[in-house]
Amino acid sequence: MGTLFTVTFIVELIFGIGFIGVPGFLLGNFGVASTPDLIFMARLFGSALLAFSTLLWYARGSKSTDLQKATVRSLFLYYIISTIFIVLGQLAGLFNIMGWSMVVMHAGFLIWYGTFAFNK
């Protein structure tokens, strides 16, 4: 699980900083037009990604199996829901071709977290 947590930590940290620091640039790469409302929501989302990153940082180095299981199950739920919404958004034409990279990334994490989510 250490590798999973480390990879996720890096990805979510990069996106969290991007959504907080340069949300218009990041959204523009996916073909999403920036509005003040969307910039606000992107920054709010970025703060959640930074919270995920903090959790992953601690879970990565923790000896607590309870913390690791809770982290895996929480992020598994996040990736189930986010993958569904990103696929629906992509199919609705909300994103440009780069949107498929989000689909692949989230589906990949969903599968990876799923392999650990309910193992004894």
N, C-alpha and C. Protein backbone atom coordinates (compact mmCIF):
# COMPACT_ATOMS: atom_id res chain seq x y z
N MET A 1 0.81 -1.20 0.00
CA MET A 1 0.00 0.00 0.00
C MET A 1 0.86 1.26 0.00
N GLY A 2 2.08 1.14 0.45
CA GLY A 2 2.94 2.31 0.50
C GLY A 2 3.14 2.96 -0.85
N THR A 3 3.33 2.16 -1.89
CA THR A 3 3.50 2.70 -3.24
C THR A 3 2.21 3.38 -3.71
N LEU A 4 1.08 2.74 -3.46
CA LEU A 4 -0.22 3.32 -3.83
C LEU A 4 -0.40 4.67 -3.15
N PHE A 5 -0.14 4.74 -1.86
CA PHE A 5 -0.30 6.00 -1.14
C PHE A 5 0.67 7.06 -1.64
N THR A 6 1.88 6.68 -1.95
CA THR A 6 2.89 7.64 -2.42
C THR A 6 2.51 8.20 -3.79
N VAL A 7 2.12 7.33 -4.71
CA VAL A 7 1.72 7.78 -6.05
C VAL A 7 0.50 8.69 -5.96
N THR A 8 -0.49 8.28 -5.18
CA THR A 8 -1.70 9.10 -5.04
C THR A 8 -1.37 10.43 -4.38
N PHE A 9 -0.51 10.40 -3.37
CA PHE A 9 -0.09 11.63 -2.70
C PHE A 9 0.48 12.62 -3.71
N ILE A 10 1.38 12.17 -4.56
CA ILE A 10 2.02 13.05 -5.53
C ILE A 10 1.00 13.62 -6.52
N VAL A 11 0.15 12.76 -7.07
CA VAL A 11 -0.84 13.21 -8.05
C VAL A 11 -1.81 14.20 -7.43
N GLU A 12 -2.36 13.85 -6.27
CA GLU A 12 -3.36 14.73 -5.64
C GLU A 12 -2.73 16.03 -5.14
N LEU A 13 -1.48 15.99 -4.70
CA LEU A 13 -0.79 17.20 -4.29
C LEU A 13 -0.62 18.15 -5.48
N ILE A 14 -0.20 17.62 -6.62
CA ILE A 14 -0.02 18.45 -7.81
C ILE A 14 -1.34 19.08 -8.24
N PHE A 15 -2.39 18.27 -8.30
CA PHE A 15 -3.69 18.82 -8.71
C PHE A 15 -4.25 19.77 -7.65
N GLY A 16 -4.04 19.46 -6.37
CA GLY A 16 -4.51 20.36 -5.31
C GLY A 16 -3.87 21.73 -5.40
N ILE A 17 -2.55 21.74 -5.56
CA ILE A 17 -1.84 23.02 -5.71
C ILE A 17 -2.29 23.73 -6.98
N GLY A 18 -2.47 22.98 -8.06
CA GLY A 18 -2.92 23.57 -9.32
C GLY A 18 -4.30 24.20 -9.21
N PHE A 19 -5.23 23.48 -8.58
CA PHE A 19 -6.59 24.02 -8.44
C PHE A 19 -6.64 25.23 -7.52
N ILE A 20 -5.75 25.30 -6.56
CA ILE A 20 -5.71 26.47 -5.67
C ILE A 20 -4.95 27.62 -6.32
N GLY A 21 -3.78 27.32 -6.90
CA GLY A 21 -2.90 28.37 -7.40
C GLY A 21 -3.21 28.89 -8.78
N VAL A 22 -3.52 28.00 -9.71
CA VAL A 22 -3.76 28.41 -11.10
C VAL A 22 -4.99 27.67 -11.66
N PRO A 23 -6.14 27.87 -11.03
CA PRO A 23 -7.32 27.11 -11.45
C PRO A 23 -7.74 27.37 -12.90
N GLY A 24 -7.63 28.60 -13.35
CA GLY A 24 -8.02 28.91 -14.73
C GLY A 24 -7.15 28.19 -15.74
N PHE A 25 -5.86 28.15 -15.49
CA PHE A 25 -4.93 27.44 -16.36
C PHE A 25 -5.23 25.95 -16.38
N LEU A 26 -5.41 25.38 -15.19
CA LEU A 26 -5.67 23.95 -15.10
C LEU A 26 -6.99 23.58 -15.77
N LEU A 27 -8.04 24.34 -15.50
CA LEU A 27 -9.33 24.06 -16.12
C LEU A 27 -9.27 24.26 -17.63
N GLY A 28 -8.54 25.28 -18.07
CA GLY A 28 -8.40 25.55 -19.50
C GLY A 28 -7.77 24.39 -20.25
N ASN A 29 -6.84 23.67 -19.60
CA ASN A 29 -6.23 22.51 -20.25
C ASN A 29 -7.24 21.41 -20.56
N PHE A 30 -8.35 21.42 -19.82
CA PHE A 30 -9.40 20.42 -20.05
C PHE A 30 -10.55 21.00 -20.85
N GLY A 31 -10.36 22.19 -21.39
CA GLY A 31 -11.37 22.81 -22.24
C GLY A 31 -12.53 23.41 -21.47
N VAL A 32 -12.31 23.71 -20.20
CA VAL A 32 -13.37 24.27 -19.36
C VAL A 32 -13.14 25.78 -19.23
N ALA A 33 -14.15 26.56 -19.59
CA ALA A 33 -14.05 28.02 -19.50
C ALA A 33 -14.13 28.44 -18.04
N SER A 34 -13.26 29.35 -17.64
CA SER A 34 -13.21 29.81 -16.26
C SER A 34 -14.20 30.94 -16.03
N THR A 35 -14.95 30.83 -14.96
CA THR A 35 -15.81 31.90 -14.48
C THR A 35 -15.44 32.12 -13.02
N PRO A 36 -15.79 33.27 -12.46
CA PRO A 36 -15.48 33.48 -11.03
C PRO A 36 -16.07 32.39 -10.13
N ASP A 37 -17.28 31.94 -10.44
CA ASP A 37 -17.90 30.88 -9.64
C ASP A 37 -17.12 29.58 -9.74
N LEU A 38 -16.70 29.25 -10.95
CA LEU A 38 -15.96 28.01 -11.17
C LEU A 38 -14.57 28.08 -10.54
N ILE A 39 -13.94 29.23 -10.61
CA ILE A 39 -12.63 29.41 -9.96
C ILE A 39 -12.76 29.19 -8.46
N PHE A 40 -13.82 29.75 -7.86
CA PHE A 40 -14.05 29.54 -6.44
C PHE A 40 -14.22 28.05 -6.12
N MET A 41 -15.04 27.34 -6.89
CA MET A 41 -15.29 25.92 -6.65
C MET A 41 -14.02 25.10 -6.89
N ALA A 42 -13.24 25.47 -7.89
CA ALA A 42 -11.98 24.76 -8.15
C ALA A 42 -11.03 24.91 -6.97
N ARG A 43 -10.96 26.10 -6.41
CA ARG A 43 -10.08 26.31 -5.25
C ARG A 43 -10.58 25.53 -4.03
N LEU A 44 -11.88 25.48 -3.86
CA LEU A 44 -12.45 24.68 -2.78
C LEU A 44 -12.11 23.21 -2.97
N PHE A 45 -12.24 22.71 -4.21
CA PHE A 45 -11.88 21.34 -4.53
C PHE A 45 -10.39 21.10 -4.29
N GLY A 46 -9.57 22.07 -4.66
CA GLY A 46 -8.13 21.96 -4.43
C GLY A 46 -7.80 21.81 -2.96
N SER A 47 -8.55 22.50 -2.11
CA SER A 47 -8.29 22.36 -0.67
C SER A 47 -8.62 20.95 -0.20
N ALA A 48 -9.64 20.33 -0.76
CA ALA A 48 -9.96 18.94 -0.42
C ALA A 48 -8.86 18.00 -0.90
N LEU A 49 -8.32 18.26 -2.07
CA LEU A 49 -7.22 17.42 -2.57
C LEU A 49 -5.98 17.55 -1.68
N LEU A 50 -5.74 18.74 -1.16
CA LEU A 50 -4.62 18.90 -0.24
C LEU A 50 -4.88 18.15 1.07
N ALA A 51 -6.13 18.10 1.50
CA ALA A 51 -6.47 17.31 2.69
C ALA A 51 -6.24 15.83 2.42
N PHE A 52 -6.63 15.35 1.23
CA PHE A 52 -6.34 13.95 0.84
C PHE A 52 -4.83 13.70 0.91
N SER A 53 -4.08 14.65 0.38
CA SER A 53 -2.62 14.50 0.35
C SER A 53 -2.05 14.38 1.76
N THR A 54 -2.57 15.18 2.67
CA THR A 54 -2.11 15.12 4.05
C THR A 54 -2.43 13.75 4.66
N LEU A 55 -3.64 13.28 4.45
CA LEU A 55 -4.02 11.95 4.94
C LEU A 55 -3.11 10.87 4.35
N LEU A 56 -2.87 10.95 3.06
CA LEU A 56 -2.02 9.96 2.39
C LEU A 56 -0.59 9.99 2.92
N TRP A 57 -0.08 11.18 3.21
CA TRP A 57 1.27 11.31 3.74
C TRP A 57 1.39 10.56 5.08
N TYR A 58 0.40 10.76 5.94
CA TYR A 58 0.45 10.10 7.24
C TYR A 58 0.18 8.60 7.14
N ALA A 59 -0.76 8.22 6.29
CA ALA A 59 -1.09 6.79 6.13
C ALA A 59 0.08 6.03 5.51
N ARG A 60 0.79 6.68 4.62
CA ARG A 60 1.93 6.07 3.93
C ARG A 60 2.98 5.58 4.91
N GLY A 61 3.26 6.36 5.92
CA GLY A 61 4.31 6.00 6.87
C GLY A 61 3.80 5.37 8.16
N SER A 62 2.50 5.17 8.24
CA SER A 62 1.92 4.68 9.48
C SER A 62 2.04 3.16 9.62
N LYS A 63 2.19 2.72 10.85
CA LYS A 63 2.17 1.29 11.15
C LYS A 63 0.75 0.83 11.50
N SER A 64 -0.18 1.79 11.61
CA SER A 64 -1.55 1.49 11.98
C SER A 64 -2.32 0.90 10.80
N THR A 65 -2.69 -0.35 10.91
CA THR A 65 -3.48 -0.97 9.83
C THR A 65 -4.88 -0.37 9.78
N ASP A 66 -5.40 0.09 10.94
CA ASP A 66 -6.72 0.73 10.93
C ASP A 66 -6.70 2.02 10.11
N LEU A 67 -5.66 2.83 10.27
CA LEU A 67 -5.53 4.06 9.49
C LEU A 67 -5.39 3.72 8.01
N GLN A 68 -4.58 2.75 7.68
CA GLN A 68 -4.39 2.37 6.28
C GLN A 68 -5.68 1.85 5.66
N LYS A 69 -6.42 1.00 6.37
CA LYS A 69 -7.70 0.48 5.85
C LYS A 69 -8.70 1.61 5.66
N ALA A 70 -8.78 2.51 6.64
CA ALA A 70 -9.72 3.64 6.53
C ALA A 70 -9.36 4.53 5.35
N THR A 71 -8.08 4.75 5.13
CA THR A 71 -7.63 5.57 4.01
C THR A 71 -7.98 4.91 2.69
N VAL A 72 -7.69 3.63 2.58
CA VAL A 72 -7.99 2.91 1.34
C VAL A 72 -9.48 2.92 1.06
N ARG A 73 -10.29 2.63 2.05
CA ARG A 73 -11.74 2.57 1.83
C ARG A 73 -12.32 3.94 1.52
N SER A 74 -11.81 4.98 2.18
CA SER A 74 -12.29 6.33 1.90
C SER A 74 -11.97 6.75 0.47
N LEU A 75 -10.73 6.50 0.06
CA LEU A 75 -10.34 6.90 -1.29
C LEU A 75 -10.98 6.00 -2.34
N PHE A 76 -11.23 4.74 -2.01
CA PHE A 76 -11.97 3.86 -2.92
C PHE A 76 -13.35 4.45 -3.19
N LEU A 77 -14.04 4.90 -2.15
CA LEU A 77 -15.35 5.53 -2.32
C LEU A 77 -15.24 6.80 -3.16
N TYR A 78 -14.24 7.62 -2.87
CA TYR A 78 -14.03 8.84 -3.66
C TYR A 78 -13.84 8.50 -5.14
N TYR A 79 -13.00 7.51 -5.42
CA TYR A 79 -12.72 7.19 -6.82
C TYR A 79 -13.90 6.52 -7.51
N ILE A 80 -14.76 5.81 -6.79
CA ILE A 80 -15.99 5.29 -7.41
C ILE A 80 -16.85 6.46 -7.88
N ILE A 81 -17.12 7.37 -6.96
CA ILE A 81 -18.01 8.49 -7.26
C ILE A 81 -17.40 9.43 -8.30
N SER A 82 -16.14 9.78 -8.12
CA SER A 82 -15.51 10.72 -9.05
C SER A 82 -15.40 10.13 -10.45
N THR A 83 -15.11 8.84 -10.56
CA THR A 83 -15.02 8.21 -11.88
C THR A 83 -16.36 8.27 -12.59
N ILE A 84 -17.43 7.99 -11.87
CA ILE A 84 -18.77 8.05 -12.48
C ILE A 84 -19.05 9.45 -13.01
N PHE A 85 -18.81 10.46 -12.18
CA PHE A 85 -19.11 11.83 -12.60
C PHE A 85 -18.19 12.32 -13.72
N ILE A 86 -16.93 11.91 -13.69
CA ILE A 86 -16.03 12.33 -14.76
C ILE A 86 -16.41 11.67 -16.09
N VAL A 87 -16.79 10.40 -16.05
CA VAL A 87 -17.25 9.73 -17.28
C VAL A 87 -18.50 10.41 -17.81
N LEU A 88 -19.45 10.69 -16.93
CA LEU A 88 -20.67 11.37 -17.37
C LEU A 88 -20.37 12.75 -17.95
N GLY A 89 -19.46 13.49 -17.31
CA GLY A 89 -19.07 14.80 -17.82
C GLY A 89 -18.38 14.71 -19.17
N GLN A 90 -17.52 13.74 -19.31
CA GLN A 90 -16.81 13.56 -20.58
C GLN A 90 -17.80 13.19 -21.68
N LEU A 91 -18.71 12.28 -21.40
CA LEU A 91 -19.70 11.86 -22.40
C LEU A 91 -20.66 13.00 -22.75
N ALA A 92 -20.88 13.91 -21.82
CA ALA A 92 -21.75 15.06 -22.07
C ALA A 92 -21.02 16.18 -22.81
N GLY A 93 -19.72 16.02 -23.04
CA GLY A 93 -18.96 17.02 -23.78
C GLY A 93 -18.47 18.19 -22.94
N LEU A 94 -18.40 18.01 -21.62
CA LEU A 94 -17.94 19.11 -20.77
C LEU A 94 -16.45 19.36 -20.86
N PHE A 95 -15.69 18.35 -21.29
CA PHE A 95 -14.23 18.45 -21.37
C PHE A 95 -13.77 18.19 -22.80
N ASN A 96 -12.59 18.66 -23.11
CA ASN A 96 -11.99 18.32 -24.39
C ASN A 96 -11.37 16.93 -24.30
N ILE A 97 -10.56 16.57 -25.26
CA ILE A 97 -9.96 15.23 -25.30
C ILE A 97 -9.14 14.93 -24.04
N MET A 98 -8.62 15.97 -23.39
CA MET A 98 -7.85 15.77 -22.16
C MET A 98 -8.70 15.19 -21.03
N GLY A 99 -10.01 15.34 -21.14
CA GLY A 99 -10.90 14.77 -20.13
C GLY A 99 -10.74 13.27 -20.01
N TRP A 100 -10.40 12.63 -21.13
CA TRP A 100 -10.21 11.17 -21.08
C TRP A 100 -9.03 10.79 -20.20
N SER A 101 -8.05 11.69 -20.06
CA SER A 101 -6.92 11.39 -19.16
C SER A 101 -7.41 11.34 -17.71
N MET A 102 -8.38 12.19 -17.37
CA MET A 102 -8.95 12.14 -16.02
C MET A 102 -9.73 10.84 -15.82
N VAL A 103 -10.46 10.43 -16.85
CA VAL A 103 -11.21 9.16 -16.77
C VAL A 103 -10.25 8.02 -16.50
N VAL A 104 -9.18 7.95 -17.29
CA VAL A 104 -8.20 6.87 -17.15
C VAL A 104 -7.53 6.91 -15.78
N MET A 105 -7.13 8.10 -15.34
CA MET A 105 -6.46 8.23 -14.05
C MET A 105 -7.37 7.80 -12.91
N HIS A 106 -8.59 8.31 -12.90
CA HIS A 106 -9.50 7.97 -11.81
C HIS A 106 -9.91 6.50 -11.86
N ALA A 107 -10.15 5.97 -13.03
CA ALA A 107 -10.49 4.54 -13.14
C ALA A 107 -9.31 3.68 -12.70
N GLY A 108 -8.10 4.09 -13.05
CA GLY A 108 -6.91 3.35 -12.62
C GLY A 108 -6.77 3.34 -11.11
N PHE A 109 -6.95 4.50 -10.48
CA PHE A 109 -6.89 4.55 -9.02
C PHE A 109 -8.04 3.75 -8.41
N LEU A 110 -9.21 3.80 -9.02
CA LEU A 110 -10.35 3.03 -8.52
C LEU A 110 -10.01 1.54 -8.49
N ILE A 111 -9.46 1.04 -9.56
CA ILE A 111 -9.08 -0.38 -9.62
C ILE A 111 -7.98 -0.68 -8.60
N TRP A 112 -6.99 0.18 -8.55
CA TRP A 112 -5.86 -0.04 -7.64
C TRP A 112 -6.33 -0.03 -6.18
N TYR A 113 -7.14 0.97 -5.81
CA TYR A 113 -7.66 0.99 -4.44
C TYR A 113 -8.63 -0.17 -4.19
N GLY A 114 -9.36 -0.55 -5.24
CA GLY A 114 -10.28 -1.68 -5.09
C GLY A 114 -9.59 -2.98 -4.75
N THR A 115 -8.35 -3.15 -5.21
CA THR A 115 -7.63 -4.39 -4.90
C THR A 115 -7.27 -4.48 -3.43
N PHE A 116 -7.23 -3.34 -2.73
CA PHE A 116 -6.91 -3.33 -1.30
C PHE A 116 -8.12 -3.08 -0.40
N ALA A 117 -9.21 -2.57 -0.97
CA ALA A 117 -10.30 -2.03 -0.15
C ALA A 117 -10.92 -3.03 0.82
N PHE A 118 -11.09 -4.25 0.40
CA PHE A 118 -11.82 -5.18 1.26
C PHE A 118 -11.03 -6.47 1.52
N ASN A 119 -9.71 -6.41 1.33
CA ASN A 119 -8.87 -7.55 1.67
C ASN A 119 -8.75 -7.67 3.17
N LYS A 120 -8.69 -8.86 3.65
CA LYS A 120 -8.54 -9.10 5.09
C LYS A 120 -7.09 -8.97 5.49
